[in-house]
Protein backbone atom coordinates (compact mmCIF):
# COMPACT_ATOMS: atom_id res chain seq x y z
CA MET A 1 71.70 181.84 299.35
CA THR A 2 68.54 180.72 297.61
CA GLY A 3 66.35 177.78 298.55
CA GLY A 4 66.31 176.32 295.02
CA PRO A 5 68.01 173.15 293.88
CA THR A 6 71.72 173.26 293.19
CA LEU A 7 72.62 172.47 289.62
CA HIS A 8 75.74 170.41 288.94
CA PRO A 9 77.40 170.26 285.54
CA ALA A 10 76.78 167.04 283.67
CA SER A 11 79.54 164.48 283.87
CA PRO A 12 81.52 164.30 280.61
CA HIS A 13 81.80 160.48 280.89
CA PRO A 14 78.79 158.25 281.41
CA ALA A 15 79.03 155.69 284.18
CA PRO A 16 80.30 152.31 282.99
CA PRO A 17 77.77 149.47 283.02
CA PRO A 18 77.94 147.20 286.04
CA PRO A 19 80.13 144.13 285.48
CA ARG A 20 78.33 140.89 284.68
CA ARG A 21 78.67 138.16 287.21
CA ALA A 22 80.45 134.97 286.21
CA GLY A 23 77.38 133.01 287.32
CA ALA A 24 75.27 134.59 284.59
CA ASP A 25 77.82 133.60 281.95
CA ARG A 26 77.86 130.04 283.26
CA LEU A 27 74.06 129.83 283.19
CA ILE A 28 74.03 131.06 279.60
CA ALA A 29 76.63 128.42 278.69
CA LEU A 30 74.55 125.75 280.43
CA PHE A 31 71.47 126.85 278.50
CA LEU A 32 73.36 126.65 275.21
CA PHE A 33 74.65 123.18 276.16
CA GLY A 34 71.05 122.09 276.77
CA VAL A 35 69.95 123.46 273.40
CA VAL A 36 72.71 121.56 271.62
CA ALA A 37 72.22 118.38 273.67
CA PHE A 38 68.51 118.20 272.76
CA ASN A 39 69.04 119.09 269.10
CA PRO A 40 67.17 116.56 266.90
CA PRO A 41 70.23 115.42 264.90
CA LEU A 42 72.01 114.50 268.12
CA LEU A 43 68.90 112.78 269.47
CA ARG A 44 68.74 110.65 266.31
CA VAL A 45 72.19 109.27 267.12
CA PHE A 46 70.88 107.89 270.41
CA GLY A 47 67.51 106.81 268.96
CA ALA A 48 69.03 104.05 266.83
CA GLY A 49 67.34 101.30 268.87
CA ASP A 50 70.25 100.28 271.10
CA THR A 51 69.62 99.51 274.75
CA LEU A 52 71.53 100.00 277.98
CA PHE A 53 70.56 97.66 280.80
CA GLY A 54 67.35 96.90 278.89
CA LEU A 55 66.37 100.59 278.57
CA PRO A 56 66.33 102.40 275.22
CA LEU A 57 69.50 104.45 274.86
CA LEU A 58 67.49 107.52 273.84
CA TYR A 59 65.64 107.49 277.18
CA VAL A 60 68.84 107.03 279.16
CA TYR A 61 70.52 109.88 277.26
CA ALA A 62 67.56 112.29 277.47
CA LEU A 63 66.88 111.72 281.17
CA GLY A 64 70.60 111.78 282.02
CA VAL A 65 71.24 115.08 280.23
CA TRP A 66 68.02 116.57 281.61
CA GLY A 67 68.96 115.59 285.15
CA GLY A 68 72.50 116.85 284.63
CA VAL A 69 71.30 120.25 283.40
CA ILE A 70 68.97 120.56 286.40
CA ALA A 71 71.70 119.54 288.85
CA LEU A 72 74.26 121.92 287.32
CA SER A 73 71.79 124.81 287.29
CA ALA A 74 71.00 124.17 290.97
CA VAL A 75 74.71 124.19 291.81
CA LEU A 76 75.29 127.40 289.84
CA LEU A 77 72.30 129.16 291.37
CA GLU A 78 73.19 128.12 294.92
CA ARG A 79 76.78 129.33 294.53
CA GLY A 80 75.51 132.73 293.42
CA GLY A 81 78.30 133.39 290.91
CA ARG A 82 81.18 132.61 293.29
C-alpha cells in the first residue's frame, strides 16, 4: 500500500445543475412586470391629465405600482421560495 492519493475513474455523466428555486422565478417575473409597468407608452396612458381625488393619475399609478412591486418583493424574499 502506497501513501499516494487514490485515483478514481472520472464519472461518465456530469452532475446535473442544482434546481432553481421557485422564488427566483417569481422575482424574475416581478422584475419583468416592473419593466413593463414603467414602460413609457404605458405611462403616457396615465399621463393624460386626469385626476383621482385631486391627484394626477400618473402620480397615483407610478407610486401605486412602485409600492406594489416593493411589497411583493418583500413578501417573496421573506418567504424564501416556499
